[in-house]
Amino acid sequence: MSTPALKEWPLWEVFVRSKQGLEHKHCGSLHASDAQHALQMARDVYTRRQEGVSIWVVPSASITASEPDSKDAFFDPAADKIYRHPTFYEIPEKVGHM
């Protein structure tokens, strides 16, 4: 049984959380046969200097994104809902980083 060519493997988006960071950041894409394979490849490619503490891999086909050309129409409605701004709420100290 032969392995499918690399270009036939699904594309995965890779997000890495650094030792200093609180969030995962997109660092690139790779082709892999399945999720476990994508995790192993992401570790080898994107955390070579042991800078990561967590990796997420997501099939590119599962990501839905807004259109850059539609940003004004897409984001403008949020401007009229000022109650959504975090300045209206106090965060208790015991919550810590948010």
PDB file of N, CA and C in Angstrom:
ATOM      1  N   MET A   1       0.844  -1.182   0.000  1.00  0.00           N
ATOM      2  CA  MET A   1       0.000   0.000   0.000  1.00  0.00           C
ATOM      3  C   MET A   1       0.884   1.239   0.000  1.00  0.00           C
ATOM      4  N   SER A   2       0.613   2.162  -0.873  1.00  0.00           N
ATOM      5  CA  SER A   2       1.465   3.350  -0.970  1.00  0.00           C
ATOM      6  C   SER A   2       0.869   4.517  -0.201  1.00  0.00           C
ATOM      7  N   THR A   3       1.757   5.390   0.246  1.00  0.00           N
ATOM      8  CA  THR A   3       1.345   6.596   0.968  1.00  0.00           C
ATOM      9  C   THR A   3       0.928   7.647  -0.053  1.00  0.00           C
ATOM     10  N   PRO A   4      -0.179   8.369   0.195  1.00  0.00           N
ATOM     11  CA  PRO A   4      -0.581   9.407  -0.755  1.00  0.00           C
ATOM     12  C   PRO A   4       0.500  10.473  -0.873  1.00  0.00           C
ATOM     13  N   ALA A   5       0.565  11.076  -2.021  1.00  0.00           N
ATOM     14  CA  ALA A   5       1.537  12.155  -2.222  1.00  0.00           C
ATOM     15  C   ALA A   5       1.250  13.282  -1.250  1.00  0.00           C
ATOM     16  N   LEU A   6       2.300  13.989  -0.854  1.00  0.00           N
ATOM     17  CA  LEU A   6       2.177  15.077   0.115  1.00  0.00           C
ATOM     18  C   LEU A   6       1.084  16.063  -0.277  1.00  0.00           C
ATOM     19  N   LYS A   7       0.997  16.412  -1.553  1.00  0.00           N
ATOM     20  CA  LYS A   7       0.006  17.403  -1.981  1.00  0.00           C
ATOM     21  C   LYS A   7      -1.419  16.891  -1.854  1.00  0.00           C
ATOM     22  N   GLU A   8      -1.610  15.588  -1.692  1.00  0.00           N
ATOM     23  CA  GLU A   8      -2.941  15.024  -1.534  1.00  0.00           C
ATOM     24  C   GLU A   8      -3.373  14.991  -0.062  1.00  0.00           C
ATOM     25  N   TRP A   9      -2.430  15.169   0.859  1.00  0.00           N
ATOM     26  CA  TRP A   9      -2.769  15.205   2.278  1.00  0.00           C
ATOM     27  C   TRP A   9      -3.493  16.514   2.572  1.00  0.00           C
ATOM     28  N   PRO A  10      -4.381  16.508   3.547  1.00  0.00           N
ATOM     29  CA  PRO A  10      -5.082  17.752   3.895  1.00  0.00           C
ATOM     30  C   PRO A  10      -4.126  18.814   4.443  1.00  0.00           C
ATOM     31  N   LEU A  11      -4.516  20.061   4.267  1.00  0.00           N
ATOM     32  CA  LEU A  11      -3.748  21.183   4.790  1.00  0.00           C
ATOM     33  C   LEU A  11      -4.219  21.478   6.205  1.00  0.00           C
ATOM     34  N   TRP A  12      -3.276  21.705   7.125  1.00  0.00           N
ATOM     35  CA  TRP A  12      -3.556  21.986   8.539  1.00  0.00           C
ATOM     36  C   TRP A  12      -2.969  23.335   8.889  1.00  0.00           C
ATOM     37  N   GLU A  13      -3.690  24.107   9.701  1.00  0.00           N
ATOM     38  CA  GLU A  13      -3.182  25.373  10.225  1.00  0.00           C
ATOM     39  C   GLU A  13      -2.612  25.098  11.613  1.00  0.00           C
ATOM     40  N   VAL A  14      -1.470  25.695  11.907  1.00  0.00           N
ATOM     41  CA  VAL A  14      -0.754  25.419  13.151  1.00  0.00           C
ATOM     42  C   VAL A  14      -0.750  26.667  14.036  1.00  0.00           C
ATOM     43  N   PHE A  15      -1.147  26.479  15.301  1.00  0.00           N
ATOM     44  CA  PHE A  15      -1.151  27.541  16.302  1.00  0.00           C
ATOM     45  C   PHE A  15      -0.288  27.081  17.474  1.00  0.00           C
ATOM     46  N   VAL A  16       0.633  27.939  17.915  1.00  0.00           N
ATOM     47  CA  VAL A  16       1.553  27.587  18.993  1.00  0.00           C
ATOM     48  C   VAL A  16       1.424  28.616  20.113  1.00  0.00           C
ATOM     49  N   ARG A  17       1.412  28.113  21.342  1.00  0.00           N
ATOM     50  CA  ARG A  17       1.458  28.992  22.517  1.00  0.00           C
ATOM     51  C   ARG A  17       2.881  28.977  23.040  1.00  0.00           C
ATOM     52  N   SER A  18       3.476  30.144  23.149  1.00  0.00           N
ATOM     53  CA  SER A  18       4.859  30.229  23.618  1.00  0.00           C
ATOM     54  C   SER A  18       4.906  30.188  25.139  1.00  0.00           C
ATOM     55  N   LYS A  19       6.094  30.038  25.671  1.00  0.00           N
ATOM     56  CA  LYS A  19       6.266  29.992  27.126  1.00  0.00           C
ATOM     57  C   LYS A  19       5.819  31.292  27.786  1.00  0.00           C
ATOM     58  N   GLN A  20       5.998  32.417  27.095  1.00  0.00           N
ATOM     59  CA  GLN A  20       5.640  33.711  27.664  1.00  0.00           C
ATOM     60  C   GLN A  20       4.192  34.093  27.353  1.00  0.00           C
ATOM     61  N   GLY A  21       3.575  33.452  26.383  1.00  0.00           N
ATOM     62  CA  GLY A  21       2.264  33.875  25.920  1.00  0.00           C
ATOM     63  C   GLY A  21       1.102  33.240  26.658  1.00  0.00           C
ATOM     64  N   LEU A  22      -0.034  33.920  26.583  1.00  0.00           N
ATOM     65  CA  LEU A  22      -1.269  33.401  27.158  1.00  0.00           C
ATOM     66  C   LEU A  22      -2.197  32.891  26.073  1.00  0.00           C
ATOM     67  N   GLU A  23      -1.851  33.146  24.816  1.00  0.00           N
ATOM     68  CA  GLU A  23      -2.709  32.735  23.719  1.00  0.00           C
ATOM     69  C   GLU A  23      -1.907  31.974  22.661  1.00  0.00           C
ATOM     70  N   HIS A  24      -2.617  31.209  21.872  1.00  0.00           N
ATOM     71  CA  HIS A  24      -2.002  30.512  20.752  1.00  0.00           C
ATOM     72  C   HIS A  24      -1.948  31.481  19.569  1.00  0.00           C
ATOM     73  N   LYS A  25      -0.859  31.458  18.828  1.00  0.00           N
ATOM     74  CA  LYS A  25      -0.707  32.319  17.653  1.00  0.00           C
ATOM     75  C   LYS A  25      -0.480  31.460  16.429  1.00  0.00           C
ATOM     76  N   HIS A  26      -1.096  31.872  15.337  1.00  0.00           N
ATOM     77  CA  HIS A  26      -0.918  31.150  14.082  1.00  0.00           C
ATOM     78  C   HIS A  26       0.523  31.308  13.630  1.00  0.00           C
ATOM     79  N   CYS A  27       1.166  30.196  13.314  1.00  0.00           N
ATOM     80  CA  CYS A  27       2.554  30.286  12.882  1.00  0.00           C
ATOM     81  C   CYS A  27       2.798  29.670  11.518  1.00  0.00           C
ATOM     82  N   GLY A  28       1.775  29.042  10.927  1.00  0.00           N
ATOM     83  CA  GLY A  28       1.968  28.501   9.591  1.00  0.00           C
ATOM     84  C   GLY A  28       1.014  27.372   9.267  1.00  0.00           C
ATOM     85  N   SER A  29       1.292  26.730   8.146  1.00  0.00           N
ATOM     86  CA  SER A  29       0.466  25.639   7.646  1.00  0.00           C
ATOM     87  C   SER A  29       1.361  24.479   7.242  1.00  0.00           C
ATOM     88  N   LEU A  30       0.776  23.307   7.208  1.00  0.00           N
ATOM     89  CA  LEU A  30       1.506  22.136   6.724  1.00  0.00           C
ATOM     90  C   LEU A  30       0.518  21.085   6.228  1.00  0.00           C
ATOM     91  N   HIS A  31       1.007  20.191   5.405  1.00  0.00           N
ATOM     92  CA  HIS A  31       0.211  19.067   4.931  1.00  0.00           C
ATOM     93  C   HIS A  31       0.541  17.853   5.790  1.00  0.00           C
ATOM     94  N   ALA A  32      -0.495  17.129   6.223  1.00  0.00           N
ATOM     95  CA  ALA A  32      -0.298  15.918   7.023  1.00  0.00           C
ATOM     96  C   ALA A  32      -1.452  14.964   6.760  1.00  0.00           C
ATOM     97  N   SER A  33      -1.200  13.676   7.016  1.00  0.00           N
ATOM     98  CA  SER A  33      -2.208  12.661   6.715  1.00  0.00           C
ATOM     99  C   SER A  33      -3.378  12.665   7.691  1.00  0.00           C
ATOM    100  N   ASP A  34      -3.123  13.024   8.976  1.00  0.00           N
ATOM    101  CA  ASP A  34      -4.195  13.075   9.972  1.00  0.00           C
ATOM    102  C   ASP A  34      -3.771  14.019  11.100  1.00  0.00           C
ATOM    103  N   ALA A  35      -4.636  14.177  12.107  1.00  0.00           N
ATOM    104  CA  ALA A  35      -4.388  15.138  13.180  1.00  0.00           C
ATOM    105  C   ALA A  35      -3.120  14.803  13.973  1.00  0.00           C
ATOM    106  N   GLN A  36      -2.929  13.542  14.300  1.00  0.00           N
ATOM    107  CA  GLN A  36      -1.747  13.148  15.080  1.00  0.00           C
ATOM    108  C   GLN A  36      -0.469  13.416  14.294  1.00  0.00           C
ATOM    109  N   HIS A  37      -0.499  13.098  13.015  1.00  0.00           N
ATOM    110  CA  HIS A  37       0.641  13.357  12.141  1.00  0.00           C
ATOM    111  C   HIS A  37       0.906  14.861  12.061  1.00  0.00           C
ATOM    112  N   ALA A  38      -0.169  15.669  11.970  1.00  0.00           N
ATOM    113  CA  ALA A  38      -0.034  17.126  11.909  1.00  0.00           C
ATOM    114  C   ALA A  38       0.600  17.663  13.191  1.00  0.00           C
ATOM    115  N   LEU A  39       0.196  17.126  14.350  1.00  0.00           N
ATOM    116  CA  LEU A  39       0.794  17.557  15.620  1.00  0.00           C
ATOM    117  C   LEU A  39       2.294  17.260  15.658  1.00  0.00           C
ATOM    118  N   GLN A  40       2.662  16.063  15.248  1.00  0.00           N
ATOM    119  CA  GLN A  40       4.083  15.685  15.268  1.00  0.00           C
ATOM    120  C   GLN A  40       4.901  16.551  14.325  1.00  0.00           C
ATOM    121  N   MET A  41       4.352  16.780  13.121  1.00  0.00           N
ATOM    122  CA  MET A  41       5.071  17.613  12.153  1.00  0.00           C
ATOM    123  C   MET A  41       5.156  19.058  12.635  1.00  0.00           C
ATOM    124  N   ALA A  42       4.073  19.569  13.233  1.00  0.00           N
ATOM    125  CA  ALA A  42       4.068  20.940  13.747  1.00  0.00           C
ATOM    126  C   ALA A  42       5.116  21.098  14.846  1.00  0.00           C
ATOM    127  N   ARG A  43       5.204  20.110  15.723  1.00  0.00           N
ATOM    128  CA  ARG A  43       6.218  20.150  16.781  1.00  0.00           C
ATOM    129  C   ARG A  43       7.618  20.219  16.167  1.00  0.00           C
ATOM    130  N   ASP A  44       7.870  19.384  15.165  1.00  0.00           N
ATOM    131  CA  ASP A  44       9.195  19.336  14.549  1.00  0.00           C
ATOM    132  C   ASP A  44       9.532  20.609  13.765  1.00  0.00           C
ATOM    133  N   VAL A  45       8.533  21.185  13.102  1.00  0.00           N
ATOM    134  CA  VAL A  45       8.781  22.332  12.240  1.00  0.00           C
ATOM    135  C   VAL A  45       8.723  23.659  12.996  1.00  0.00           C
ATOM    136  N   TYR A  46       7.748  23.818  13.896  1.00  0.00           N
ATOM    137  CA  TYR A  46       7.489  25.127  14.486  1.00  0.00           C
ATOM    138  C   TYR A  46       7.961  25.301  15.927  1.00  0.00           C
ATOM    139  N   THR A  47       8.478  24.262  16.559  1.00  0.00           N
ATOM    140  CA  THR A  47       8.975  24.418  17.934  1.00  0.00           C
ATOM    141  C   THR A  47      10.361  23.798  18.079  1.00  0.00           C
ATOM    142  N   ARG A  48      11.203  24.033  17.110  1.00  0.00           N
ATOM    143  CA  ARG A  48      12.540  23.449  17.116  1.00  0.00           C
ATOM    144  C   ARG A  48      13.401  23.930  18.266  1.00  0.00           C
ATOM    145  N   ARG A  49      13.166  25.144  18.754  1.00  0.00           N
ATOM    146  CA  ARG A  49      13.986  25.697  19.830  1.00  0.00           C
ATOM    147  C   ARG A  49      13.279  25.616  21.172  1.00  0.00           C
ATOM    148  N   GLN A  50      12.350  24.693  21.295  1.00  0.00           N
ATOM    149  CA  GLN A  50      11.571  24.464  22.523  1.00  0.00           C
ATOM    150  C   GLN A  50      10.901  25.727  23.048  1.00  0.00           C
ATOM    151  N   GLU A  51      10.416  26.565  22.115  1.00  0.00           N
ATOM    152  CA  GLU A  51       9.757  27.785  22.554  1.00  0.00           C
ATOM    153  C   GLU A  51       8.266  27.591  22.805  1.00  0.00           C
ATOM    154  N   GLY A  52       7.712  26.449  22.433  1.00  0.00           N
ATOM    155  CA  GLY A  52       6.282  26.236  22.599  1.00  0.00           C
ATOM    156  C   GLY A  52       5.929  25.386  23.805  1.00  0.00           C
ATOM    157  N   VAL A  53       4.738  25.630  24.358  1.00  0.00           N
ATOM    158  CA  VAL A  53       4.240  24.807  25.454  1.00  0.00           C
ATOM    159  C   VAL A  53       2.934  24.105  25.069  1.00  0.00           C
ATOM    160  N   SER A  54       2.342  24.521  23.951  1.00  0.00           N
ATOM    161  CA  SER A  54       1.104  23.912  23.489  1.00  0.00           C
ATOM    162  C   SER A  54       0.960  24.156  21.992  1.00  0.00           C
ATOM    163  N   ILE A  55       0.430  23.161  21.294  1.00  0.00           N
ATOM    164  CA  ILE A  55       0.216  23.271  19.847  1.00  0.00           C
ATOM    165  C   ILE A  55      -1.219  22.879  19.538  1.00  0.00           C
ATOM    166  N   TRP A  56      -1.853  23.661  18.685  1.00  0.00           N
ATOM    167  CA  TRP A  56      -3.153  23.305  18.123  1.00  0.00           C
ATOM    168  C   TRP A  56      -2.964  23.119  16.631  1.00  0.00           C
ATOM    169  N   VAL A  57      -3.575  22.092  16.064  1.00  0.00           N
ATOM    170  CA  VAL A  57      -3.632  21.937  14.618  1.00  0.00           C
ATOM    171  C   VAL A  57      -5.109  21.842  14.223  1.00  0.00           C
ATOM    172  N   VAL A  58      -5.469  22.571  13.190  1.00  0.00           N
ATOM    173  CA  VAL A  58      -6.854  22.650  12.744  1.00  0.00           C
ATOM    174  C   VAL A  58      -6.880  22.441  11.241  1.00  0.00           C
ATOM    175  N   PRO A  59      -7.763  21.547  10.760  1.00  0.00           N
ATOM    176  CA  PRO A  59      -7.855  21.399   9.296  1.00  0.00           C
ATOM    177  C   PRO A  59      -8.235  22.745   8.668  1.00  0.00           C
ATOM    178  N   SER A  60      -7.499  23.157   7.673  1.00  0.00           N
ATOM    179  CA  SER A  60      -7.773  24.436   7.015  1.00  0.00           C
ATOM    180  C   SER A  60      -9.202  24.500   6.487  1.00  0.00           C
ATOM    181  N   ALA A  61      -9.716  23.374   6.032  1.00  0.00           N
ATOM    182  CA  ALA A  61     -11.067  23.332   5.484  1.00  0.00           C
ATOM    183  C   ALA A  61     -12.126  23.618   6.546  1.00  0.00           C
ATOM    184  N   SER A  62     -11.773  23.501   7.826  1.00  0.00           N
ATOM    185  CA  SER A  62     -12.725  23.732   8.914  1.00  0.00           C
ATOM    186  C   SER A  62     -12.771  25.191   9.365  1.00  0.00           C
ATOM    187  N   ILE A  63     -11.908  26.019   8.822  1.00  0.00           N
ATOM    188  CA  ILE A  63     -11.852  27.420   9.233  1.00  0.00           C
ATOM    189  C   ILE A  63     -12.736  28.257   8.313  1.00  0.00           C
ATOM    190  N   THR A  64     -13.577  29.060   8.923  1.00  0.00           N
ATOM    191  CA  THR A  64     -14.404  30.008   8.187  1.00  0.00           C
ATOM    192  C   THR A  64     -13.949  31.397   8.586  1.00  0.00           C
ATOM    193  N   ALA A  65     -13.677  32.226   7.615  1.00  0.00           N
ATOM    194  CA  ALA A  65     -13.138  33.555   7.903  1.00  0.00           C
ATOM    195  C   ALA A  65     -13.968  34.642   7.230  1.00  0.00           C
ATOM    196  N   SER A  66     -13.928  35.822   7.807  1.00  0.00           N
ATOM    197  CA  SER A  66     -14.590  36.965   7.187  1.00  0.00           C
ATOM    198  C   SER A  66     -13.769  37.398   5.970  1.00  0.00           C
ATOM    199  N   GLU A  67     -14.427  38.089   5.070  1.00  0.00           N
ATOM    200  CA  GLU A  67     -13.766  38.574   3.854  1.00  0.00           C
ATOM    201  C   GLU A  67     -13.115  39.926   4.127  1.00  0.00           C
ATOM    202  N   PRO A  68     -11.828  40.098   3.831  1.00  0.00           N
ATOM    203  CA  PRO A  68     -11.173  41.387   4.065  1.00  0.00           C
ATOM    204  C   PRO A  68     -11.856  42.547   3.338  1.00  0.00           C
ATOM    205  N   ASP A  69     -12.393  42.290   2.161  1.00  0.00           N
ATOM    206  CA  ASP A  69     -13.060  43.348   1.404  1.00  0.00           C
ATOM    207  C   ASP A  69     -14.370  43.789   2.056  1.00  0.00           C
ATOM    208  N   SER A  70     -14.936  42.973   2.922  1.00  0.00           N
ATOM    209  CA  SER A  70     -16.215  43.285   3.569  1.00  0.00           C
ATOM    210  C   SER A  70     -16.028  43.763   5.009  1.00  0.00           C
ATOM    211  N   LYS A  71     -14.813  44.147   5.378  1.00  0.00           N
ATOM    212  CA  LYS A  71     -14.547  44.472   6.784  1.00  0.00           C
ATOM    213  C   LYS A  71     -15.402  45.623   7.303  1.00  0.00           C
ATOM    214  N   ASP A  72     -15.626  46.659   6.488  1.00  0.00           N
ATOM    215  CA  ASP A  72     -16.415  47.795   6.976  1.00  0.00           C
ATOM    216  C   ASP A  72     -17.841  47.373   7.304  1.00  0.00           C
ATOM    217  N   ALA A  73     -18.484  46.690   6.391  1.00  0.00           N
ATOM    218  CA  ALA A  73     -19.868  46.262   6.615  1.00  0.00           C
ATOM    219  C   ALA A  73     -19.953  45.205   7.711  1.00  0.00           C
ATOM    220  N   PHE A  74     -18.927  44.384   7.831  1.00  0.00           N
ATOM    221  CA  PHE A  74     -18.950  43.296   8.806  1.00  0.00           C
ATOM    222  C   PHE A  74     -18.730  43.806  10.227  1.00  0.00           C
ATOM    223  N   PHE A  75     -17.794  44.745  10.402  1.00  0.00           N
ATOM    224  CA  PHE A  75     -17.431  45.192  11.745  1.00  0.00           C
ATOM    225  C   PHE A  75     -18.140  46.465  12.202  1.00  0.00           C
ATOM    226  N   ASP A  76     -18.682  47.247  11.302  1.00  0.00           N
ATOM    227  CA  ASP A  76     -19.354  48.494  11.686  1.00  0.00           C
ATOM    228  C   ASP A  76     -20.482  48.312  12.688  1.00  0.00           C
ATOM    229  N   PRO A  77     -21.316  47.288  12.582  1.00  0.00           N
ATOM    230  CA  PRO A  77     -22.408  47.174  13.556  1.00  0.00           C
ATOM    231  C   PRO A  77     -21.937  47.103  15.013  1.00  0.00           C
ATOM    232  N   ALA A  78     -20.728  46.669  15.268  1.00  0.00           N
ATOM    233  CA  ALA A  78     -20.229  46.574  16.640  1.00  0.00           C
ATOM    234  C   ALA A  78     -19.990  47.951  17.249  1.00  0.00           C
ATOM    235  N   ALA A  79     -19.761  48.961  16.417  1.00  0.00           N
ATOM    236  CA  ALA A  79     -19.459  50.301  16.919  1.00  0.00           C
ATOM    237  C   ALA A  79     -20.651  50.929  17.626  1.00  0.00           C
ATOM    238  N   ASP A  80     -21.874  50.527  17.283  1.00  0.00           N
ATOM    239  CA  ASP A  80     -23.043  51.131  17.908  1.00  0.00           C
ATOM    240  C   ASP A  80     -23.484  50.396  19.170  1.00  0.00           C
ATOM    241  N   LYS A  81     -22.725  49.441  19.614  1.00  0.00           N
ATOM    242  CA  LYS A  81     -23.050  48.684  20.834  1.00  0.00           C
ATOM    243  C   LYS A  81     -21.942  48.916  21.850  1.00  0.00           C
ATOM    244  N   ILE A  82     -21.889  50.152  22.372  1.00  0.00           N
ATOM    245  CA  ILE A  82     -20.775  50.503  23.256  1.00  0.00           C
ATOM    246  C   ILE A  82     -20.766  49.710  24.549  1.00  0.00           C
ATOM    247  N   TYR A  83     -21.908  49.132  24.921  1.00  0.00           N
ATOM    248  CA  TYR A  83     -21.936  48.327  26.145  1.00  0.00           C
ATOM    249  C   TYR A  83     -21.058  47.089  26.030  1.00  0.00           C
ATOM    250  N   ARG A  84     -20.646  46.747  24.838  1.00  0.00           N
ATOM    251  CA  ARG A  84     -19.774  45.582  24.646  1.00  0.00           C
ATOM    252  C   ARG A  84     -18.313  45.898  24.948  1.00  0.00           C
ATOM    253  N   HIS A  85     -17.990  47.156  25.077  1.00  0.00           N
ATOM    254  CA  HIS A  85     -16.611  47.526  25.351  1.00  0.00           C
ATOM    255  C   HIS A  85     -16.252  47.126  26.785  1.00  0.00           C
ATOM    256  N   PRO A  86     -15.069  46.609  27.001  1.00  0.00           N
ATOM    257  CA  PRO A  86     -14.695  46.116  28.332  1.00  0.00           C
ATOM    258  C   PRO A  86     -14.585  47.202  29.394  1.00  0.00           C
ATOM    259  N   THR A  87     -14.613  48.463  28.990  1.00  0.00           N
ATOM    260  CA  THR A  87     -14.496  49.543  29.971  1.00  0.00           C
ATOM    261  C   THR A  87     -15.738  49.660  30.850  1.00  0.00           C
ATOM    262  N   PHE A  88     -16.821  49.002  30.483  1.00  0.00           N
ATOM    263  CA  PHE A  88     -18.057  49.065  31.254  1.00  0.00           C
ATOM    264  C   PHE A  88     -18.092  48.048  32.390  1.00  0.00           C
ATOM    265  N   TYR A  89     -17.082  47.188  32.470  1.00  0.00           N
ATOM    266  CA  TYR A  89     -17.104  46.113  33.446  1.00  0.00           C
ATOM    267  C   TYR A  89     -15.832  46.126  34.272  1.00  0.00           C
ATOM    268  N   GLU A  90     -15.980  45.791  35.537  1.00  0.00           N
ATOM    269  CA  GLU A  90     -14.810  45.649  36.398  1.00  0.00           C
ATOM    270  C   GLU A  90     -14.495  44.171  36.550  1.00  0.00           C
ATOM    271  N   ILE A  91     -13.227  43.839  36.399  1.00  0.00           N
ATOM    272  CA  ILE A  91     -12.799  42.448  36.509  1.00  0.00           C
ATOM    273  C   ILE A  91     -12.250  42.232  37.914  1.00  0.00           C
ATOM    274  N   PRO A  92     -12.780  41.263  38.642  1.00  0.00           N
ATOM    275  CA  PRO A  92     -12.266  40.988  39.988  1.00  0.00           C
ATOM    276  C   PRO A  92     -10.789  40.606  39.943  1.00  0.00           C
ATOM    277  N   GLU A  93     -10.039  41.011  40.949  1.00  0.00           N
ATOM    278  CA  GLU A  93      -8.598  40.732  40.967  1.00  0.00           C
ATOM    279  C   GLU A  93      -8.291  39.251  40.963  1.00  0.00           C
ATOM    280  N   LYS A  94      -9.160  38.439  41.588  1.00  0.00           N
ATOM    281  CA  LYS A  94      -8.880  37.004  41.638  1.00  0.00           C
ATOM    282  C   LYS A  94      -8.976  36.311  40.282  1.00  0.00           C
ATOM    283  N   VAL A  95      -9.547  37.001  39.286  1.00  0.00           N
ATOM    284  CA  VAL A  95      -9.615  36.436  37.942  1.00  0.00           C
ATOM    285  C   VAL A  95      -8.226  36.338  37.332  1.00  0.00           C
ATOM    286  N   GLY A  96      -7.370  37.301  37.632  1.00  0.00           N
ATOM    287  CA  GLY A  96      -6.004  37.271  37.096  1.00  0.00           C
ATOM    288  C   GLY A  96      -5.973  37.760  35.666  1.00  0.00           C
ATOM    289  N   HIS A  97      -5.146  37.117  34.851  1.00  0.00           N
ATOM    290  CA  HIS A  97      -5.008  37.496  33.443  1.00  0.00           C
ATOM    291  C   HIS A  97      -6.262  37.106  32.686  1.00  0.00           C
ATOM    292  N   MET A  98      -6.722  38.019  31.865  1.00  0.00           N
ATOM    293  CA  MET A  98      -7.907  37.727  31.057  1.00  0.00           C
ATOM    294  C   MET A  98      -7.688  38.218  29.664  1.00  0.00           C
TER     295      MET A  98
END
